[in-house]
Amino acid sequence: MRALLRGLASVLIALVLSGVALAAPARAGGGADCNIGSDQGDCEIHDTDPGDGSGGGGGGGGGGKPSTPLCSSFPNGVPEDPPSSDWIYIECQLTANEDDGTIGLWVEPRASAEQLARMLLARIKFRPIDIGLAPKGADAVALVGMPVWLWVDDPSSTTYGPASISAGGMSLTAKVTSVGWVMGDGAEFVCGKGTEWKKGMGGDPSPTCGHTYSERGTYTVRATTHWVAHWTGYGLSGDIPFQLTRTRQLEVGELQVIIKRGG
């Protein structure tokens, strides 16, 4: 059993619980019960990355994602031979420099409930949203004076929530509370999920989230999802905020009308 547990130490942020059932697969809707301690390996919640669709528009992800806790958060942890069978095996970061790697420690379940919640949070493979934007299409051009619609494209449990996970007496649910938009022309505002523009809706402004440009140019649109993960365990509870960012480029042009006079 000890050899098996040592092998599991290479699994990032693994919570190995002694003497429990096999790992349960992630349930539909972003929920999982993680009882890790068998040859089934780790338990994670993730969605298949759809790649760059028409709603994503390229761009990159951003910071703010939950990270591995520092080993200094668990001053009473031991590398092996835990004092009792209910201690939990975790991986923690040696220093603030991620290049220094991680080690495994046995920690008392009640020693740091919030840090254990952060370990559990790291099991959810969060991703930035895909930006929904009308006019649609990767090469679409918006027009000066015409409304641009904004929304969370194809939201899932790992891009918008809720995503729930539990293990070792801890339970956690994470969801997006708001989406902050930075439009590249000085405009900044906060929306919810937004409303997807569909064919036939015309050129009216979005009823929930949108923007109108006043000058032509190439703008970087930045969408930041603000998450809150609420955790409970061992008679305690708390919230862990974090954020993820996606960007995309938007070309804004001017509609030109050419009037020809008859000769």
Protein backbone atom coordinates (compact mmCIF):
# COMPACT_ATOMS: atom_id res chain seq x y z
CA MET A 1 0.00 0.00 0.00
CA ARG A 2 2.84 2.41 0.83
CA ALA A 3 4.41 1.85 -2.59
CA LEU A 4 1.07 2.58 -4.22
CA LEU A 5 0.67 5.83 -2.28
CA ARG A 6 4.18 6.92 -3.18
CA GLY A 7 3.39 6.31 -6.83
CA LEU A 8 0.36 8.54 -6.56
CA ALA A 9 2.56 11.38 -5.28
CA SER A 10 3.36 12.27 -8.87
CA VAL A 11 -0.29 13.11 -9.53
CA LEU A 12 -0.70 16.86 -9.20
CA ILE A 13 -2.67 17.93 -6.13
CA ALA A 14 -3.80 14.37 -5.38
CA LEU A 15 -5.78 13.87 -2.17
CA VAL A 16 -5.10 10.28 -1.15
CA LEU A 17 -7.51 9.04 1.48
CA SER A 18 -6.54 5.89 3.35
CA GLY A 19 -8.99 2.98 3.37
CA VAL A 20 -11.75 4.49 1.22
CA ALA A 21 -13.68 3.42 -1.85
CA LEU A 22 -12.54 3.53 -5.46
CA ALA A 23 -12.43 6.90 -7.22
CA ALA A 24 -15.81 7.86 -8.58
CA PRO A 25 -15.94 9.27 -12.13
CA ALA A 26 -17.00 12.87 -12.64
CA ARG A 27 -20.76 13.23 -12.91
CA ALA A 28 -22.52 15.16 -15.63
CA GLY A 29 -23.08 18.78 -14.72
CA GLY A 30 -19.67 19.34 -13.20
CA GLY A 31 -19.91 17.29 -10.00
CA ALA A 32 -17.64 14.57 -8.61
CA ASP A 33 -17.07 12.67 -5.38
CA CYS A 34 -13.33 12.13 -5.15
CA ASN A 35 -12.33 9.24 -2.92
CA ILE A 36 -8.80 8.76 -4.13
CA GLY A 37 -6.81 5.85 -2.78
CA SER A 38 -6.80 3.09 -5.35
CA ASP A 39 -5.20 2.18 -8.65
CA GLN A 40 -7.96 4.15 -10.38
CA GLY A 41 -5.71 7.21 -10.07
CA ASP A 42 -6.90 10.78 -9.78
CA CYS A 43 -10.31 12.41 -9.96
CA GLU A 44 -10.77 15.57 -11.98
CA ILE A 45 -13.56 17.66 -13.46
CA HIS A 46 -12.91 18.97 -16.94
CA ASP A 47 -14.60 19.66 -20.25
CA THR A 48 -13.16 18.86 -23.65
CA ASP A 49 -11.59 22.02 -25.05
CA PRO A 50 -13.62 22.80 -28.19
CA GLY A 51 -10.73 24.72 -29.74
CA ASP A 52 -11.16 27.99 -31.59
CA GLY A 53 -14.74 28.17 -32.75
CA SER A 54 -16.51 31.13 -34.24
CA GLY A 55 -17.36 32.32 -30.74
CA GLY A 56 -13.84 32.02 -29.35
CA GLY A 57 -12.07 34.19 -31.87
CA GLY A 58 -8.60 33.15 -30.72
CA GLY A 59 -6.78 35.09 -28.07
CA GLY A 60 -5.21 33.77 -24.92
CA GLY A 61 -6.12 32.67 -21.45
CA GLY A 62 -5.27 34.66 -18.38
CA GLY A 63 -4.01 34.47 -14.83
CA GLY A 64 -5.75 34.12 -11.53
CA LYS A 65 -6.23 30.36 -11.70
CA PRO A 66 -6.03 28.52 -8.34
CA SER A 67 -2.48 27.31 -7.68
CA THR A 68 -0.86 24.62 -5.58
CA PRO A 69 -0.54 25.71 -1.92
CA LEU A 70 2.88 26.21 -0.36
CA CYS A 71 4.21 23.46 1.91
CA SER A 72 4.69 26.11 4.60
CA SER A 73 0.89 26.15 4.89
CA PHE A 74 1.15 22.73 6.55
CA PRO A 75 3.83 23.15 9.26
CA ASN A 76 2.86 19.89 11.00
CA GLY A 77 2.89 17.77 7.85
CA VAL A 78 5.07 14.65 7.66
CA PRO A 79 6.57 13.06 4.51
CA GLU A 80 5.56 9.47 5.43
CA ASP A 81 4.21 7.22 8.16
CA PRO A 82 1.25 9.37 9.28
CA PRO A 83 0.38 9.30 13.00
CA SER A 84 -3.14 8.01 12.27
CA SER A 85 -5.12 6.53 9.39
CA ASP A 86 -7.36 9.58 8.87
CA TRP A 87 -4.52 11.87 7.80
CA ILE A 88 -4.65 13.07 4.17
CA TYR A 89 -1.85 12.83 1.61
CA ILE A 90 -1.39 16.01 -0.44
CA GLU A 91 1.12 17.61 -2.79
CA CYS A 92 2.40 21.09 -2.02
CA GLN A 93 4.78 23.56 -3.61
CA LEU A 94 8.25 23.89 -2.05
CA THR A 95 8.60 27.64 -2.71
CA ALA A 96 6.72 30.42 -4.45
CA ASN A 97 8.78 29.59 -7.54
CA GLU A 98 6.83 26.90 -9.42
CA ASP A 99 10.07 25.66 -11.03
CA ASP A 100 11.21 24.35 -7.64
CA GLY A 101 8.64 21.58 -7.86
CA THR A 102 6.36 19.88 -5.36
CA ILE A 103 6.63 17.27 -2.62
CA GLY A 104 4.13 15.01 -0.87
CA LEU A 105 3.06 15.42 2.75
CA TRP A 106 0.66 13.73 5.13
CA VAL A 107 -1.44 16.38 6.90
CA GLU A 108 -4.06 16.28 9.64
CA PRO A 109 -7.52 16.82 8.07
CA ARG A 110 -8.42 19.69 10.42
CA ALA A 111 -5.00 21.34 10.23
CA SER A 112 -5.91 23.82 7.49
CA ALA A 113 -9.40 23.45 6.08
CA GLU A 114 -9.02 26.34 3.64
CA GLN A 115 -5.78 24.96 2.19
CA LEU A 116 -7.38 21.55 1.78
CA ALA A 117 -10.25 23.28 0.00
CA ARG A 118 -7.71 24.88 -2.35
CA MET A 119 -6.26 21.45 -3.07
CA LEU A 120 -9.73 20.26 -3.97
CA LEU A 121 -10.34 23.34 -6.12
CA ALA A 122 -7.22 22.54 -8.13
CA ARG A 123 -8.89 19.27 -9.23
CA ILE A 124 -11.29 21.28 -11.40
CA LYS A 125 -9.70 22.15 -14.73
CA PHE A 126 -11.13 25.63 -15.19
CA ARG A 127 -10.85 27.41 -18.54
CA PRO A 128 -11.51 31.01 -19.64
CA ILE A 129 -14.79 31.53 -21.46
CA ASP A 130 -15.07 31.51 -25.22
CA ILE A 131 -16.04 35.05 -26.18
CA GLY A 132 -19.34 35.29 -27.98
CA LEU A 133 -19.41 38.39 -30.15
CA ALA A 134 -21.65 39.73 -32.92
CA PRO A 135 -20.88 40.35 -35.68
CA LYS A 136 -19.98 36.66 -35.68
CA GLY A 137 -16.99 34.95 -37.28
CA ALA A 138 -13.25 35.08 -36.74
CA ASP A 139 -12.82 37.59 -39.59
CA ALA A 140 -15.98 39.60 -38.94
CA VAL A 141 -15.75 43.39 -38.96
CA ALA A 142 -17.83 45.54 -36.65
CA LEU A 143 -19.02 48.97 -37.77
CA VAL A 144 -18.73 52.36 -36.13
CA GLY A 145 -22.06 53.26 -34.56
CA MET A 146 -23.47 49.73 -34.79
CA PRO A 147 -24.09 47.73 -31.57
CA VAL A 148 -21.71 44.87 -30.73
CA TRP A 149 -23.32 42.03 -28.75
CA LEU A 150 -21.26 40.21 -26.10
CA TRP A 151 -21.94 36.91 -24.35
CA VAL A 152 -20.42 33.77 -22.82
CA ASP A 153 -20.32 31.34 -25.73
CA ASP A 154 -21.32 27.71 -25.01
CA PRO A 155 -20.90 27.95 -21.21
CA SER A 156 -19.94 24.78 -19.33
CA SER A 157 -19.25 23.77 -15.74
CA THR A 158 -15.55 24.64 -16.10
CA THR A 159 -15.97 27.93 -17.99
CA TYR A 160 -19.00 29.35 -16.15
CA GLY A 161 -20.03 26.89 -13.44
CA PRO A 162 -21.37 25.66 -11.22
CA ALA A 163 -18.76 22.95 -10.69
CA SER A 164 -18.93 20.90 -7.49
CA ILE A 165 -16.45 18.47 -5.97
CA SER A 166 -16.02 16.74 -2.61
CA ALA A 167 -13.45 14.56 -0.83
CA GLY A 168 -12.09 13.86 2.63
CA GLY A 169 -14.87 15.64 4.49
CA MET A 170 -14.62 18.75 2.29
CA SER A 171 -17.19 19.99 -0.24
CA LEU A 172 -16.76 22.84 -2.71
CA THR A 173 -18.84 24.53 -5.40
CA ALA A 174 -17.45 27.17 -7.77
CA LYS A 175 -19.37 29.46 -10.10
CA VAL A 176 -18.96 32.73 -12.01
CA THR A 177 -20.44 35.77 -10.32
CA SER A 178 -19.81 38.28 -13.11
CA VAL A 179 -17.94 38.89 -16.36
CA GLY A 180 -15.83 42.02 -16.72
CA TRP A 181 -15.34 43.41 -20.21
CA VAL A 182 -12.56 45.73 -21.38
CA MET A 183 -13.26 46.85 -24.94
CA GLY A 184 -9.94 48.44 -25.93
CA ASP A 185 -11.32 51.96 -26.47
CA GLY A 186 -11.45 52.91 -22.81
CA ALA A 187 -14.83 51.35 -22.10
CA GLU A 188 -15.06 48.91 -19.17
CA PHE A 189 -18.20 47.32 -17.71
CA VAL A 190 -19.55 44.22 -15.99
CA CYS A 191 -22.22 41.84 -17.29
CA GLY A 192 -23.69 38.46 -16.54
CA LYS A 193 -23.81 35.66 -19.12
CA GLY A 194 -25.08 37.99 -21.84
CA THR A 195 -27.47 37.23 -24.71
CA GLU A 196 -26.36 35.39 -27.84
CA TRP A 197 -27.11 37.21 -31.09
CA LYS A 198 -28.89 35.03 -33.63
CA LYS A 199 -29.91 35.51 -37.23
CA GLY A 200 -32.99 37.68 -37.52
CA MET A 201 -32.34 39.77 -34.42
CA GLY A 202 -31.26 42.72 -36.54
CA GLY A 203 -29.08 45.62 -35.45
CA ASP A 204 -30.69 46.53 -32.14
CA PRO A 205 -28.47 46.78 -29.03
CA SER A 206 -28.10 43.70 -26.84
CA PRO A 207 -30.66 43.65 -24.02
CA THR A 208 -28.07 42.41 -21.52
CA CYS A 209 -24.47 43.09 -22.62
CA GLY A 210 -22.99 45.06 -25.47
CA HIS A 211 -20.98 48.04 -26.69
CA THR A 212 -20.86 50.53 -29.56
CA TYR A 213 -17.60 51.85 -30.98
CA SER A 214 -17.31 55.47 -32.09
CA GLU A 215 -14.05 55.20 -34.05
CA ARG A 216 -12.61 52.74 -36.51
CA GLY A 217 -9.58 50.68 -35.54
CA THR A 218 -8.38 47.30 -34.27
CA TYR A 219 -9.35 46.69 -30.66
CA THR A 220 -8.42 44.01 -28.12
CA VAL A 221 -11.53 42.76 -26.34
CA ARG A 222 -10.80 41.27 -22.90
CA ALA A 223 -13.32 39.17 -20.96
CA THR A 224 -12.55 38.28 -17.34
CA THR A 225 -14.72 35.79 -15.48
CA HIS A 226 -14.86 36.43 -11.74
CA TRP A 227 -15.31 33.16 -9.85
CA VAL A 228 -16.14 32.39 -6.23
CA ALA A 229 -15.63 28.90 -4.82
CA HIS A 230 -17.58 28.25 -1.61
CA TRP A 231 -16.26 25.42 0.57
CA THR A 232 -17.45 23.69 3.74
CA GLY A 233 -15.83 21.06 5.94
CA TYR A 234 -14.97 20.16 9.53
CA GLY A 235 -17.48 22.68 10.83
CA LEU A 236 -15.86 25.52 8.87
CA SER A 237 -16.67 27.35 5.62
CA GLY A 238 -15.29 30.07 3.40
CA ASP A 239 -14.99 31.55 -0.08
CA ILE A 240 -12.06 31.45 -2.51
CA PRO A 241 -12.20 34.09 -5.28
CA PHE A 242 -10.22 33.81 -8.51
CA GLN A 243 -10.49 34.95 -12.11
CA LEU A 244 -9.69 33.83 -15.65
CA THR A 245 -9.25 35.96 -18.77
CA ARG A 246 -9.69 35.51 -22.53
CA THR A 247 -8.88 38.06 -25.24
CA ARG A 248 -9.64 38.44 -28.92
CA GLN A 249 -9.06 41.04 -31.63
CA LEU A 250 -11.92 42.94 -33.21
CA GLU A 251 -11.70 45.05 -36.33
CA VAL A 252 -14.03 48.05 -36.44
CA GLY A 253 -14.61 49.79 -39.76
CA GLU A 254 -16.81 52.50 -41.20
CA LEU A 255 -19.73 52.04 -43.56
CA GLN A 256 -19.09 54.15 -46.64
CA VAL A 257 -21.87 55.22 -48.97
CA ILE A 258 -20.91 56.11 -52.53
CA ILE A 259 -23.40 58.24 -54.47
CA LYS A 260 -23.08 58.21 -58.23
CA ARG A 261 -24.55 61.08 -60.21
CA GLY A 262 -25.88 60.46 -63.64
CA GLY A 263 -23.96 62.00 -66.50
